[in-house]
């Protein structure tokens, strides 16, 4: 189990690195757009559409890593002052709730990917590309998220079930 979690962490780190590269590419597109508009008075037709598509990839590739590093926003003012086991129980509850939402993303991401591929749906932007390319990252990123959530749930269950100093046998 530990080796699977380590491999998942490495996969999430690679996805997060790719996500960062995508953000850099979006910045390059913005620079190109500014130069094209101001210097040549010729705005590009493609930079906004591709930036939006790439941003979707960056978000969904980076989200699993964010779960892994416990980087998502949460209200933890009370939980941080609780004993370790109680904190782990609250973490499991929060992760189970998050997994419901991520489960819906997996379901709908898969459903929309299949539909848009089957019927050749195109995006409604100036540069039309197959919509399946957009929906597939929702599915893939959400699968990575649910795997990261499961790893965190296992981690927290281990904390809850571990004996601490002073525990009675």
N, C-alpha and C. Protein backbone atom coordinates (compact mmCIF):
# COMPACT_ATOMS: atom_id res chain seq x y z
N UNK A 1 0.83 -1.20 0.00
CA UNK A 1 0.00 0.00 0.00
C UNK A 1 0.87 1.26 0.00
N UNK A 2 1.95 1.22 0.78
CA UNK A 2 2.83 2.38 0.85
C UNK A 2 3.46 2.72 -0.49
N UNK A 3 3.83 1.68 -1.26
CA UNK A 3 4.45 1.95 -2.56
C UNK A 3 3.44 2.56 -3.53
N UNK A 4 2.18 2.14 -3.44
CA UNK A 4 1.15 2.74 -4.30
C UNK A 4 0.96 4.21 -3.97
N UNK A 5 0.94 4.52 -2.69
CA UNK A 5 0.78 5.92 -2.27
C UNK A 5 1.98 6.74 -2.71
N UNK A 6 3.19 6.17 -2.61
CA UNK A 6 4.39 6.89 -3.06
C UNK A 6 4.34 7.15 -4.56
N UNK A 7 3.88 6.15 -5.33
CA UNK A 7 3.77 6.33 -6.77
C UNK A 7 2.71 7.38 -7.12
N UNK A 8 1.61 7.38 -6.37
CA UNK A 8 0.57 8.39 -6.57
C UNK A 8 1.13 9.78 -6.28
N UNK A 9 1.91 9.91 -5.21
CA UNK A 9 2.50 11.20 -4.88
C UNK A 9 3.44 11.68 -5.98
N UNK A 10 4.22 10.78 -6.53
CA UNK A 10 5.12 11.15 -7.63
C UNK A 10 4.32 11.56 -8.87
N UNK A 11 3.25 10.83 -9.15
CA UNK A 11 2.38 11.17 -10.28
C UNK A 11 1.75 12.55 -10.07
N UNK A 12 1.28 12.81 -8.86
CA UNK A 12 0.69 14.12 -8.55
C UNK A 12 1.72 15.24 -8.68
N UNK A 13 2.96 14.97 -8.25
CA UNK A 13 4.01 15.98 -8.37
C UNK A 13 4.31 16.27 -9.84
N UNK A 14 4.34 15.23 -10.66
CA UNK A 14 4.57 15.43 -12.10
C UNK A 14 3.41 16.21 -12.72
N UNK A 15 2.18 15.89 -12.32
CA UNK A 15 1.01 16.61 -12.83
C UNK A 15 1.05 18.07 -12.39
N UNK A 16 1.48 18.32 -11.16
CA UNK A 16 1.57 19.70 -10.67
C UNK A 16 2.65 20.48 -11.43
N UNK A 17 3.75 19.82 -11.74
CA UNK A 17 4.80 20.46 -12.52
C UNK A 17 4.29 20.82 -13.91
N UNK A 18 3.57 19.90 -14.52
CA UNK A 18 2.96 20.16 -15.82
C UNK A 18 1.95 21.30 -15.73
N UNK A 19 1.21 21.32 -14.63
CA UNK A 19 0.24 22.39 -14.39
C UNK A 19 0.95 23.75 -14.34
N UNK A 20 2.07 23.80 -13.65
CA UNK A 20 2.85 25.04 -13.59
C UNK A 20 3.37 25.46 -14.96
N UNK A 21 3.78 24.47 -15.75
CA UNK A 21 4.24 24.77 -17.12
C UNK A 21 3.10 25.34 -17.95
N UNK A 22 1.90 24.82 -17.75
CA UNK A 22 0.73 25.34 -18.47
C UNK A 22 0.46 26.79 -18.09
N UNK A 23 0.61 27.12 -16.82
CA UNK A 23 0.41 28.51 -16.38
C UNK A 23 1.44 29.42 -17.06
N UNK A 24 2.68 28.94 -17.16
CA UNK A 24 3.72 29.70 -17.85
C UNK A 24 3.35 29.92 -19.31
N UNK A 25 2.83 28.89 -19.96
CA UNK A 25 2.41 29.01 -21.37
C UNK A 25 1.29 30.04 -21.51
N UNK A 26 0.36 30.06 -20.56
CA UNK A 26 -0.72 31.05 -20.58
C UNK A 26 -0.13 32.46 -20.50
N UNK A 27 0.88 32.64 -19.66
CA UNK A 27 1.54 33.94 -19.55
C UNK A 27 2.20 34.33 -20.88
N UNK A 28 2.83 33.36 -21.54
CA UNK A 28 3.43 33.64 -22.85
C UNK A 28 2.37 34.06 -23.86
N UNK A 29 1.23 33.37 -23.85
CA UNK A 29 0.14 33.74 -24.75
C UNK A 29 -0.33 35.17 -24.49
N UNK A 30 -0.38 35.55 -23.21
CA UNK A 30 -0.81 36.91 -22.87
C UNK A 30 0.19 37.94 -23.40
N UNK A 31 1.48 37.64 -23.27
CA UNK A 31 2.51 38.54 -23.79
C UNK A 31 2.39 38.66 -25.31
N UNK A 32 2.22 37.52 -25.98
CA UNK A 32 2.06 37.53 -27.44
C UNK A 32 0.84 38.37 -27.84
N UNK A 33 -0.25 38.20 -27.10
CA UNK A 33 -1.47 38.96 -27.40
C UNK A 33 -1.25 40.46 -27.23
N UNK A 34 -0.59 40.85 -26.15
CA UNK A 34 -0.32 42.28 -25.91
C UNK A 34 0.55 42.85 -27.02
N UNK A 35 1.60 42.13 -27.39
CA UNK A 35 2.49 42.60 -28.46
C UNK A 35 1.73 42.69 -29.78
N UNK A 36 0.94 41.67 -30.08
CA UNK A 36 0.18 41.67 -31.34
C UNK A 36 -0.81 42.82 -31.40
N UNK A 37 -1.46 43.12 -30.29
CA UNK A 37 -2.45 44.20 -30.26
C UNK A 37 -1.80 45.58 -30.32
N UNK A 38 -0.79 45.78 -29.47
CA UNK A 38 -0.23 47.13 -29.35
C UNK A 38 0.76 47.48 -30.44
N UNK A 39 1.59 46.53 -30.83
CA UNK A 39 2.62 46.81 -31.82
C UNK A 39 2.12 46.69 -33.24
N UNK A 40 1.38 45.64 -33.51
CA UNK A 40 0.95 45.36 -34.88
C UNK A 40 -0.52 45.67 -35.14
N UNK A 41 -1.23 46.07 -34.10
CA UNK A 41 -2.67 46.35 -34.21
C UNK A 41 -3.42 45.17 -34.83
N UNK A 42 -2.97 43.97 -34.50
CA UNK A 42 -3.56 42.73 -35.01
C UNK A 42 -3.76 41.75 -33.86
N UNK A 43 -4.89 41.79 -33.18
CA UNK A 43 -5.11 40.83 -32.09
C UNK A 43 -5.18 39.40 -32.63
N UNK A 44 -4.74 38.48 -31.82
CA UNK A 44 -4.79 37.08 -32.23
C UNK A 44 -6.20 36.54 -32.03
N UNK A 45 -6.57 35.57 -32.81
CA UNK A 45 -7.89 34.94 -32.65
C UNK A 45 -7.82 33.76 -31.69
N UNK A 46 -6.65 33.28 -31.43
CA UNK A 46 -6.51 32.01 -30.73
C UNK A 46 -6.07 32.12 -29.27
N UNK A 47 -5.43 33.22 -28.87
CA UNK A 47 -4.78 33.24 -27.55
C UNK A 47 -5.76 33.09 -26.39
N UNK A 48 -6.90 33.76 -26.44
CA UNK A 48 -7.86 33.65 -25.34
C UNK A 48 -8.43 32.24 -25.25
N UNK A 49 -8.84 31.67 -26.38
CA UNK A 49 -9.43 30.33 -26.36
C UNK A 49 -8.43 29.30 -25.85
N UNK A 50 -7.21 29.33 -26.38
CA UNK A 50 -6.22 28.35 -25.94
C UNK A 50 -5.83 28.57 -24.48
N UNK A 51 -5.78 29.82 -24.05
CA UNK A 51 -5.48 30.09 -22.64
C UNK A 51 -6.56 29.51 -21.73
N UNK A 52 -7.81 29.63 -22.13
CA UNK A 52 -8.91 29.06 -21.33
C UNK A 52 -8.80 27.54 -21.28
N UNK A 53 -8.51 26.91 -22.41
CA UNK A 53 -8.40 25.46 -22.45
C UNK A 53 -7.23 24.98 -21.59
N UNK A 54 -6.10 25.66 -21.74
CA UNK A 54 -4.91 25.26 -20.98
C UNK A 54 -5.12 25.49 -19.49
N UNK A 55 -5.84 26.56 -19.13
CA UNK A 55 -6.13 26.81 -17.72
C UNK A 55 -6.96 25.68 -17.12
N UNK A 56 -7.90 25.15 -17.88
CA UNK A 56 -8.69 24.02 -17.41
C UNK A 56 -7.78 22.83 -17.10
N UNK A 57 -6.83 22.56 -18.00
CA UNK A 57 -5.87 21.48 -17.77
C UNK A 57 -5.02 21.76 -16.53
N UNK A 58 -4.55 23.00 -16.39
CA UNK A 58 -3.72 23.36 -15.24
C UNK A 58 -4.47 23.16 -13.93
N UNK A 59 -5.72 23.56 -13.90
CA UNK A 59 -6.53 23.43 -12.68
C UNK A 59 -6.72 21.97 -12.30
N UNK A 60 -7.14 21.16 -13.25
CA UNK A 60 -7.45 19.77 -12.91
C UNK A 60 -6.20 18.92 -12.70
N UNK A 61 -5.10 19.27 -13.33
CA UNK A 61 -3.86 18.53 -13.06
C UNK A 61 -3.27 18.93 -11.71
N UNK A 62 -3.46 20.17 -11.31
CA UNK A 62 -2.90 20.63 -10.04
C UNK A 62 -3.75 20.33 -8.82
N UNK A 63 -5.02 20.02 -9.02
CA UNK A 63 -5.93 19.82 -7.88
C UNK A 63 -5.58 18.60 -7.04
N UNK A 64 -5.17 17.51 -7.66
CA UNK A 64 -4.81 16.32 -6.89
C UNK A 64 -3.60 16.60 -6.00
N UNK A 65 -2.63 17.31 -6.55
CA UNK A 65 -1.45 17.69 -5.76
C UNK A 65 -1.86 18.59 -4.60
N UNK A 66 -2.80 19.47 -4.85
CA UNK A 66 -3.29 20.36 -3.80
C UNK A 66 -3.94 19.56 -2.67
N UNK A 67 -4.71 18.52 -3.03
CA UNK A 67 -5.27 17.64 -2.00
C UNK A 67 -4.14 16.95 -1.24
N UNK A 68 -3.18 16.42 -1.98
CA UNK A 68 -2.07 15.69 -1.38
C UNK A 68 -1.33 16.55 -0.35
N UNK A 69 -1.15 17.81 -0.66
CA UNK A 69 -0.42 18.72 0.22
C UNK A 69 -1.34 19.44 1.21
N UNK A 70 -2.61 19.05 1.23
CA UNK A 70 -3.61 19.66 2.10
C UNK A 70 -3.68 21.18 1.89
N UNK A 71 -3.68 21.56 0.62
CA UNK A 71 -3.64 22.97 0.28
C UNK A 71 -4.98 23.62 0.02
N UNK A 72 -6.05 22.82 -0.01
CA UNK A 72 -7.37 23.40 -0.26
C UNK A 72 -7.84 24.19 0.96
N UNK A 73 -8.62 25.19 0.71
CA UNK A 73 -9.13 26.05 1.78
C UNK A 73 -10.06 25.25 2.67
N UNK A 74 -9.86 25.41 3.97
CA UNK A 74 -10.75 24.77 4.94
C UNK A 74 -10.74 25.60 6.21
N UNK A 75 -11.79 25.48 6.96
CA UNK A 75 -11.89 26.19 8.23
C UNK A 75 -11.35 25.26 9.30
N UNK A 76 -10.17 25.59 9.80
CA UNK A 76 -9.52 24.68 10.74
C UNK A 76 -9.16 25.35 12.07
N UNK A 77 -9.81 26.46 12.35
CA UNK A 77 -9.49 27.20 13.57
C UNK A 77 -9.72 26.36 14.83
N UNK A 78 -10.78 25.55 14.84
CA UNK A 78 -11.05 24.69 16.00
C UNK A 78 -10.33 23.36 15.91
N UNK A 79 -10.31 22.80 14.72
CA UNK A 79 -9.75 21.46 14.53
C UNK A 79 -8.26 21.43 14.88
N UNK A 80 -7.54 22.48 14.59
CA UNK A 80 -6.10 22.51 14.87
C UNK A 80 -5.78 22.43 16.36
N UNK A 81 -6.73 22.76 17.21
CA UNK A 81 -6.49 22.74 18.65
C UNK A 81 -7.00 21.46 19.30
N UNK A 82 -7.48 20.53 18.51
CA UNK A 82 -7.99 19.26 19.04
C UNK A 82 -6.88 18.22 19.08
N UNK A 83 -7.09 17.17 19.89
CA UNK A 83 -6.11 16.08 19.90
C UNK A 83 -5.96 15.45 18.51
N UNK A 84 -4.82 14.83 18.29
CA UNK A 84 -4.47 14.28 16.97
C UNK A 84 -5.53 13.33 16.43
N UNK A 85 -6.02 12.43 17.24
CA UNK A 85 -7.02 11.46 16.79
C UNK A 85 -8.33 12.13 16.39
N UNK A 86 -8.79 13.05 17.19
CA UNK A 86 -10.04 13.76 16.89
C UNK A 86 -9.87 14.56 15.60
N UNK A 87 -8.71 15.19 15.45
CA UNK A 87 -8.42 15.94 14.23
C UNK A 87 -8.46 15.01 13.01
N UNK A 88 -7.92 13.80 13.16
CA UNK A 88 -7.93 12.82 12.06
C UNK A 88 -9.36 12.41 11.71
N UNK A 89 -10.22 12.27 12.72
CA UNK A 89 -11.63 11.92 12.48
C UNK A 89 -12.31 13.03 11.68
N UNK A 90 -12.09 14.27 12.08
CA UNK A 90 -12.66 15.40 11.34
C UNK A 90 -12.11 15.46 9.91
N UNK A 91 -10.84 15.15 9.76
CA UNK A 91 -10.25 15.11 8.41
C UNK A 91 -10.94 14.07 7.55
N UNK A 92 -11.19 12.89 8.10
CA UNK A 92 -11.86 11.82 7.35
C UNK A 92 -13.26 12.28 6.94
N UNK A 93 -13.99 12.89 7.85
CA UNK A 93 -15.34 13.37 7.53
C UNK A 93 -15.29 14.39 6.39
N UNK A 94 -14.37 15.35 6.48
CA UNK A 94 -14.23 16.35 5.42
C UNK A 94 -13.83 15.73 4.09
N UNK A 95 -12.94 14.75 4.14
CA UNK A 95 -12.50 14.09 2.91
C UNK A 95 -13.63 13.26 2.29
N UNK A 96 -14.46 12.65 3.13
CA UNK A 96 -15.60 11.90 2.60
C UNK A 96 -16.59 12.83 1.90
N UNK A 97 -16.81 13.99 2.49
CA UNK A 97 -17.70 14.98 1.86
C UNK A 97 -17.09 15.44 0.53
N UNK A 98 -15.79 15.72 0.53
CA UNK A 98 -15.12 16.13 -0.71
C UNK A 98 -15.20 15.04 -1.77
N UNK A 99 -15.11 13.78 -1.34
CA UNK A 99 -15.14 12.68 -2.31
C UNK A 99 -16.49 12.57 -3.01
N UNK A 100 -17.56 13.00 -2.35
CA UNK A 100 -18.87 13.01 -3.00
C UNK A 100 -18.85 13.99 -4.18
N UNK A 101 -18.33 15.19 -3.93
CA UNK A 101 -18.26 16.19 -5.00
C UNK A 101 -17.32 15.75 -6.12
N UNK A 102 -16.19 15.19 -5.75
CA UNK A 102 -15.24 14.72 -6.76
C UNK A 102 -15.84 13.54 -7.53
N UNK A 103 -16.62 12.71 -6.85
CA UNK A 103 -17.31 11.61 -7.52
C UNK A 103 -18.26 12.11 -8.61
N UNK A 104 -18.95 13.20 -8.32
CA UNK A 104 -19.84 13.80 -9.33
C UNK A 104 -19.01 14.33 -10.51
N UNK A 105 -17.86 14.93 -10.22
CA UNK A 105 -16.99 15.39 -11.30
C UNK A 105 -16.52 14.23 -12.17
N UNK A 106 -16.18 13.11 -11.55
CA UNK A 106 -15.76 11.92 -12.31
C UNK A 106 -16.90 11.45 -13.20
N UNK A 107 -18.06 11.31 -12.61
CA UNK A 107 -19.24 10.82 -13.33
C UNK A 107 -19.56 11.73 -14.52
N UNK A 108 -19.70 13.03 -14.25
CA UNK A 108 -20.08 13.96 -15.31
C UNK A 108 -18.93 14.17 -16.31
N UNK A 109 -17.71 14.17 -15.82
CA UNK A 109 -16.58 14.29 -16.74
C UNK A 109 -16.52 13.14 -17.71
N UNK A 110 -16.73 11.93 -17.20
CA UNK A 110 -16.74 10.74 -18.06
C UNK A 110 -17.92 10.80 -19.03
N UNK A 111 -19.10 11.09 -18.49
CA UNK A 111 -20.31 11.15 -19.31
C UNK A 111 -20.18 12.16 -20.45
N UNK A 112 -19.70 13.36 -20.12
CA UNK A 112 -19.55 14.40 -21.14
C UNK A 112 -18.43 14.10 -22.13
N UNK A 113 -17.38 13.45 -21.67
CA UNK A 113 -16.31 13.05 -22.59
C UNK A 113 -16.84 12.07 -23.63
N UNK A 114 -17.58 11.06 -23.17
CA UNK A 114 -18.12 10.05 -24.08
C UNK A 114 -19.12 10.68 -25.06
N UNK A 115 -20.03 11.50 -24.53
CA UNK A 115 -21.04 12.14 -25.40
C UNK A 115 -20.39 13.05 -26.44
N UNK A 116 -19.46 13.88 -26.00
CA UNK A 116 -18.86 14.82 -26.94
C UNK A 116 -17.97 14.11 -27.96
N UNK A 117 -17.37 12.99 -27.58
CA UNK A 117 -16.59 12.22 -28.56
C UNK A 117 -17.50 11.50 -29.54
N UNK A 118 -18.57 10.93 -29.02
CA UNK A 118 -19.50 10.17 -29.87
C UNK A 118 -20.18 11.07 -30.91
N UNK A 119 -20.58 12.26 -30.50
CA UNK A 119 -21.32 13.15 -31.40
C UNK A 119 -20.46 14.28 -31.97
N UNK A 120 -19.16 14.19 -31.80
CA UNK A 120 -18.22 15.18 -32.35
C UNK A 120 -18.56 16.62 -31.98
N UNK A 121 -18.87 16.85 -30.70
CA UNK A 121 -19.14 18.22 -30.25
C UNK A 121 -17.87 19.05 -30.36
N UNK A 122 -18.06 20.31 -30.75
CA UNK A 122 -16.95 21.25 -30.83
C UNK A 122 -17.17 22.37 -29.82
N UNK A 123 -16.09 23.03 -29.44
CA UNK A 123 -16.22 24.17 -28.54
C UNK A 123 -16.85 25.33 -29.32
N UNK A 124 -17.41 26.29 -28.60
CA UNK A 124 -18.07 27.42 -29.26
C UNK A 124 -17.20 28.67 -29.21
N UNK A 125 -15.90 28.47 -29.25
CA UNK A 125 -14.96 29.58 -29.25
C UNK A 125 -14.53 29.89 -30.68
N UNK A 126 -13.70 30.91 -30.83
CA UNK A 126 -13.24 31.28 -32.17
C UNK A 126 -12.42 30.17 -32.82
N UNK A 127 -11.72 29.42 -32.01
CA UNK A 127 -10.97 28.26 -32.50
C UNK A 127 -11.73 27.03 -32.02
N UNK A 128 -12.41 26.37 -32.91
CA UNK A 128 -13.22 25.22 -32.51
C UNK A 128 -12.36 23.97 -32.46
N UNK A 129 -12.35 23.35 -31.29
CA UNK A 129 -11.66 22.08 -31.12
C UNK A 129 -12.67 21.09 -30.54
N UNK A 130 -12.41 19.81 -30.66
CA UNK A 130 -13.34 18.82 -30.10
C UNK A 130 -13.50 19.01 -28.58
N UNK A 131 -14.73 19.08 -28.13
CA UNK A 131 -15.02 19.30 -26.71
C UNK A 131 -14.53 18.14 -25.85
N UNK A 132 -14.40 16.97 -26.44
CA UNK A 132 -13.93 15.81 -25.67
C UNK A 132 -12.56 16.07 -25.06
N UNK A 133 -11.72 16.86 -25.75
CA UNK A 133 -10.40 17.18 -25.21
C UNK A 133 -10.48 18.00 -23.93
N UNK A 134 -11.56 18.75 -23.78
CA UNK A 134 -11.75 19.53 -22.56
C UNK A 134 -12.35 18.68 -21.45
N UNK A 135 -13.32 17.86 -21.80
CA UNK A 135 -13.98 17.05 -20.78
C UNK A 135 -13.09 15.94 -20.24
N UNK A 136 -12.19 15.44 -21.06
CA UNK A 136 -11.37 14.32 -20.61
C UNK A 136 -10.47 14.72 -19.44
N UNK A 137 -10.02 15.97 -19.40
CA UNK A 137 -9.16 16.38 -18.29
C UNK A 137 -9.95 16.51 -17.00
N UNK A 138 -11.23 16.82 -17.10
CA UNK A 138 -12.08 16.85 -15.90
C UNK A 138 -12.14 15.44 -15.32
N UNK A 139 -12.31 14.46 -16.18
CA UNK A 139 -12.36 13.06 -15.73
C UNK A 139 -11.01 12.63 -15.17
N UNK A 140 -9.94 12.83 -15.91
CA UNK A 140 -8.61 12.38 -15.48
C UNK A 140 -8.17 13.08 -14.20
N UNK A 141 -8.33 14.40 -14.15
CA UNK A 141 -7.95 15.14 -12.96
C UNK A 141 -8.77 14.74 -11.74
N UNK A 142 -10.04 14.46 -11.95
CA UNK A 142 -10.90 14.05 -10.84
C UNK A 142 -10.55 12.66 -10.34
N UNK A 143 -10.15 11.77 -11.24
CA UNK A 143 -9.69 10.44 -10.81
C UNK A 143 -8.43 10.58 -9.96
N UNK A 144 -7.51 11.44 -10.38
CA UNK A 144 -6.32 11.69 -9.56
C UNK A 144 -6.71 12.28 -8.20
N UNK A 145 -7.70 13.17 -8.20
CA UNK A 145 -8.15 13.75 -6.93
C UNK A 145 -8.73 12.70 -6.01
N UNK A 146 -9.59 11.81 -6.54
CA UNK A 146 -10.23 10.81 -5.68
C UNK A 146 -9.19 9.85 -5.13
N UNK A 147 -8.18 9.51 -5.93
CA UNK A 147 -7.11 8.64 -5.44
C UNK A 147 -6.33 9.32 -4.32
N UNK A 148 -6.09 10.62 -4.47
CA UNK A 148 -5.40 11.37 -3.42
C UNK A 148 -6.24 11.46 -2.16
N UNK A 149 -7.54 11.64 -2.34
CA UNK A 149 -8.44 11.68 -1.18
C UNK A 149 -8.43 10.34 -0.46
N UNK A 150 -8.49 9.25 -1.22
CA UNK A 150 -8.45 7.91 -0.60
C UNK A 150 -7.15 7.70 0.17
N UNK A 151 -6.03 8.15 -0.39
CA UNK A 151 -4.75 8.03 0.31
C UNK A 151 -4.77 8.81 1.62
N UNK A 152 -5.35 10.01 1.60
CA UNK A 152 -5.45 10.81 2.82
C UNK A 152 -6.39 10.17 3.84
N UNK A 153 -7.48 9.57 3.36
CA UNK A 153 -8.40 8.89 4.27
C UNK A 153 -7.68 7.73 4.96
N UNK A 154 -6.92 6.95 4.19
CA UNK A 154 -6.16 5.83 4.77
C UNK A 154 -5.17 6.35 5.80
N UNK A 155 -4.44 7.42 5.45
CA UNK A 155 -3.49 8.04 6.39
C UNK A 155 -4.16 8.42 7.70
N UNK A 156 -5.33 9.05 7.61
CA UNK A 156 -6.03 9.50 8.81
C UNK A 156 -6.63 8.34 9.60
N UNK A 157 -7.08 7.30 8.92
CA UNK A 157 -7.59 6.12 9.63
C UNK A 157 -6.46 5.45 10.40
N UNK A 158 -5.27 5.41 9.82
CA UNK A 158 -4.11 4.85 10.54
C UNK A 158 -3.84 5.66 11.79
N UNK A 159 -3.93 6.98 11.70
CA UNK A 159 -3.73 7.84 12.88
C UNK A 159 -4.77 7.52 13.95
N UNK A 160 -6.03 7.36 13.54
CA UNK A 160 -7.10 7.09 14.50
C UNK A 160 -6.89 5.74 15.19
N UNK A 161 -6.42 4.75 14.45
CA UNK A 161 -6.31 3.39 15.01
C UNK A 161 -4.97 3.12 15.70
N UNK A 162 -4.00 4.01 15.57
CA UNK A 162 -2.70 3.80 16.22
C UNK A 162 -2.83 4.00 17.72
N UNK A 163 -2.07 3.20 18.44
CA UNK A 163 -2.01 3.38 19.89
C UNK A 163 -1.01 4.48 20.20
N UNK A 164 -1.38 5.32 21.14
CA UNK A 164 -0.48 6.38 21.57
C UNK A 164 0.04 6.05 22.95
N UNK A 165 1.06 6.80 23.37
CA UNK A 165 1.60 6.62 24.72
C UNK A 165 0.49 6.82 25.74
N UNK A 166 0.44 5.94 26.71
CA UNK A 166 -0.57 6.05 27.75
C UNK A 166 -1.86 5.33 27.44
N UNK A 167 -2.01 4.80 26.20
CA UNK A 167 -3.21 4.03 25.86
C UNK A 167 -3.20 2.70 26.59
N UNK A 168 -4.36 2.28 27.02
CA UNK A 168 -4.50 0.99 27.70
C UNK A 168 -4.68 -0.08 26.64
N UNK A 169 -4.01 -1.23 26.84
CA UNK A 169 -4.12 -2.33 25.87
C UNK A 169 -5.49 -2.92 25.85
